Amino acid sequence: MRSLFIALIVLASAGAAKADCLEELGRFQEQVDSQNQMRPTAQSQAAAKELQKLEHNEMADEVDCYNTLARARRILAAPFPAPADDQYAKDHHKQ
């Protein structure tokens, strides 16, 4: 009887943890989508693509959920690439 009770608790907590991740993933998806609508960047578009991979994965579990969320956050927080040629930084009058 005791092992059945423990098994039920473990199953219930695993389901709750995945639900927490999916809730957090949903909030992050909204943030990425709003950024892509207002001012898209390479990072926000790459983060959206990473989140879409999880949506297409039918066998995704809690670990996949947290890993995808971590990768998307890392992508979004990546620094902007340096501009190759900044025409405004050059002073054409001193040439």
C-alpha atoms as a PDB file:
ATOM      1  CA  MET A   1       0.000   0.000   0.000  1.00  0.00           C
ATOM      2  CA  ARG A   2       2.815   2.377   0.886  1.00  0.00           C
ATOM      3  CA  SER A   3       4.651   1.789  -2.422  1.00  0.00           C
ATOM      4  CA  LEU A   4       1.444   2.504  -4.362  1.00  0.00           C
ATOM      5  CA  PHE A   5       1.063   5.802  -2.521  1.00  0.00           C
ATOM      6  CA  ILE A   6       4.682   6.756  -3.263  1.00  0.00           C
ATOM      7  CA  ALA A   7       4.262   5.829  -6.916  1.00  0.00           C
ATOM      8  CA  LEU A   8       1.173   8.033  -7.179  1.00  0.00           C
ATOM      9  CA  ILE A   9       3.004  10.964  -5.601  1.00  0.00           C
ATOM     10  CA  VAL A  10       5.937  10.567  -7.993  1.00  0.00           C
ATOM     11  CA  LEU A  11       3.652  10.414 -11.032  1.00  0.00           C
ATOM     12  CA  ALA A  12       1.641  13.419  -9.883  1.00  0.00           C
ATOM     13  CA  SER A  13       4.763  15.497  -9.227  1.00  0.00           C
ATOM     14  CA  ALA A  14       6.246  14.607 -12.626  1.00  0.00           C
ATOM     15  CA  GLY A  15       3.067  15.756 -14.330  1.00  0.00           C
ATOM     16  CA  ALA A  16       3.044  18.963 -12.300  1.00  0.00           C
ATOM     17  CA  ALA A  17       6.692  19.681 -13.149  1.00  0.00           C
ATOM     18  CA  LYS A  18       6.010  19.312 -16.868  1.00  0.00           C
ATOM     19  CA  ALA A  19       2.977  21.551 -16.516  1.00  0.00           C
ATOM     20  CA  ASP A  20       5.177  24.165 -14.804  1.00  0.00           C
ATOM     21  CA  CYS A  21       7.673  23.998 -17.652  1.00  0.00           C
ATOM     22  CA  LEU A  22       4.946  24.301 -20.265  1.00  0.00           C
ATOM     23  CA  GLU A  23       3.505  27.313 -18.437  1.00  0.00           C
ATOM     24  CA  GLU A  24       6.930  28.953 -18.285  1.00  0.00           C
ATOM     25  CA  LEU A  25       7.505  28.058 -21.928  1.00  0.00           C
ATOM     26  CA  GLY A  26       4.203  29.695 -22.863  1.00  0.00           C
ATOM     27  CA  ARG A  27       5.135  32.931 -21.098  1.00  0.00           C
ATOM     28  CA  PHE A  28       8.536  32.980 -22.795  1.00  0.00           C
ATOM     29  CA  GLN A  29       6.916  32.247 -26.174  1.00  0.00           C
ATOM     30  CA  GLU A  30       4.647  35.283 -25.704  1.00  0.00           C
ATOM     31  CA  GLN A  31       7.678  37.438 -24.911  1.00  0.00           C
ATOM     32  CA  VAL A  32       9.539  36.244 -28.007  1.00  0.00           C
ATOM     33  CA  ASP A  33       6.472  36.659 -30.228  1.00  0.00           C
ATOM     34  CA  SER A  34       5.843  40.215 -29.039  1.00  0.00           C
ATOM     35  CA  GLN A  35       9.482  41.114 -29.613  1.00  0.00           C
ATOM     36  CA  ASN A  36       9.320  39.615 -33.112  1.00  0.00           C
ATOM     37  CA  GLN A  37       6.221  41.684 -33.871  1.00  0.00           C
ATOM     38  CA  MET A  38       7.566  44.974 -32.518  1.00  0.00           C
ATOM     39  CA  ARG A  39      11.273  44.832 -33.352  1.00  0.00           C
ATOM     40  CA  PRO A  40      12.539  41.499 -34.682  1.00  0.00           C
ATOM     41  CA  THR A  41      16.199  40.672 -34.297  1.00  0.00           C
ATOM     42  CA  ALA A  42      18.252  37.711 -35.420  1.00  0.00           C
ATOM     43  CA  GLN A  43      18.276  36.491 -31.817  1.00  0.00           C
ATOM     44  CA  SER A  44      14.512  36.714 -31.324  1.00  0.00           C
ATOM     45  CA  GLN A  45      13.850  34.932 -34.610  1.00  0.00           C
ATOM     46  CA  ALA A  46      16.335  32.182 -33.735  1.00  0.00           C
ATOM     47  CA  ALA A  47      14.739  31.798 -30.281  1.00  0.00           C
ATOM     48  CA  ALA A  48      11.305  31.470 -31.904  1.00  0.00           C
ATOM     49  CA  LYS A  49      12.647  28.799 -34.247  1.00  0.00           C
ATOM     50  CA  GLU A  50      14.119  26.896 -31.270  1.00  0.00           C
ATOM     51  CA  LEU A  51      10.758  26.994 -29.481  1.00  0.00           C
ATOM     52  CA  GLN A  52       8.995  25.722 -32.604  1.00  0.00           C
ATOM     53  CA  LYS A  53      11.220  22.639 -32.607  1.00  0.00           C
ATOM     54  CA  LEU A  54       9.674  21.582 -29.304  1.00  0.00           C
ATOM     55  CA  GLU A  55       6.164  22.075 -30.673  1.00  0.00           C
ATOM     56  CA  HIS A  56       6.919  19.678 -33.534  1.00  0.00           C
ATOM     57  CA  ASN A  57       8.504  17.061 -31.258  1.00  0.00           C
ATOM     58  CA  GLU A  58       5.743  14.613 -30.318  1.00  0.00           C
ATOM     59  CA  MET A  59       7.941  12.674 -27.878  1.00  0.00           C
ATOM     60  CA  ALA A  60       9.043  15.705 -25.845  1.00  0.00           C
ATOM     61  CA  ASP A  61       9.208  15.250 -22.094  1.00  0.00           C
ATOM     62  CA  GLU A  62       9.992  17.507 -19.150  1.00  0.00           C
ATOM     63  CA  VAL A  63      13.742  17.425 -19.760  1.00  0.00           C
ATOM     64  CA  ASP A  64      13.255  18.404 -23.406  1.00  0.00           C
ATOM     65  CA  CYS A  65      11.002  21.229 -22.280  1.00  0.00           C
ATOM     66  CA  TYR A  66      13.558  22.684 -19.864  1.00  0.00           C
ATOM     67  CA  ASN A  67      16.457  22.166 -22.293  1.00  0.00           C
ATOM     68  CA  THR A  68      14.596  23.934 -25.091  1.00  0.00           C
ATOM     69  CA  LEU A  69      13.656  26.780 -22.782  1.00  0.00           C
ATOM     70  CA  ALA A  70      17.288  27.162 -21.666  1.00  0.00           C
ATOM     71  CA  ARG A  71      18.587  27.135 -25.266  1.00  0.00           C
ATOM     72  CA  ALA A  72      16.005  29.702 -26.393  1.00  0.00           C
ATOM     73  CA  ARG A  73      16.837  31.991 -23.456  1.00  0.00           C
ATOM     74  CA  ARG A  74      20.559  31.692 -24.194  1.00  0.00           C
ATOM     75  CA  ILE A  75      19.948  32.526 -27.857  1.00  0.00           C
ATOM     76  CA  LEU A  76      17.810  35.547 -27.004  1.00  0.00           C
ATOM     77  CA  ALA A  77      20.383  36.857 -24.510  1.00  0.00           C
ATOM     78  CA  ALA A  78      23.269  36.556 -26.967  1.00  0.00           C
ATOM     79  CA  PRO A  79      24.983  39.861 -27.741  1.00  0.00           C
ATOM     80  CA  PHE A  80      24.232  41.587 -31.001  1.00  0.00           C
ATOM     81  CA  PRO A  81      26.817  40.993 -33.703  1.00  0.00           C
ATOM     82  CA  ALA A  82      29.166  43.884 -34.366  1.00  0.00           C
ATOM     83  CA  PRO A  83      28.286  45.884 -37.454  1.00  0.00           C
ATOM     84  CA  ALA A  84      30.561  45.107 -40.364  1.00  0.00           C
ATOM     85  CA  ASP A  85      30.782  48.690 -41.566  1.00  0.00           C
ATOM     86  CA  ASP A  86      29.377  51.542 -39.522  1.00  0.00           C
ATOM     87  CA  GLN A  87      29.087  54.447 -41.948  1.00  0.00           C
ATOM     88  CA  TYR A  88      28.085  56.845 -39.179  1.00  0.00           C
ATOM     89  CA  ALA A  89      31.189  56.139 -37.095  1.00  0.00           C
ATOM     90  CA  LYS A  90      33.498  57.368 -39.836  1.00  0.00           C
ATOM     91  CA  ASP A  91      34.325  61.030 -39.915  1.00  0.00           C
ATOM     92  CA  HIS A  92      34.442  61.966 -43.583  1.00  0.00           C
ATOM     93  CA  HIS A  93      35.563  65.543 -42.880  1.00  0.00           C
ATOM     94  CA  LYS A  94      39.001  64.523 -41.539  1.00  0.00           C
ATOM     95  CA  GLN A  95      40.080  62.629 -44.630  1.00  0.00           C
END
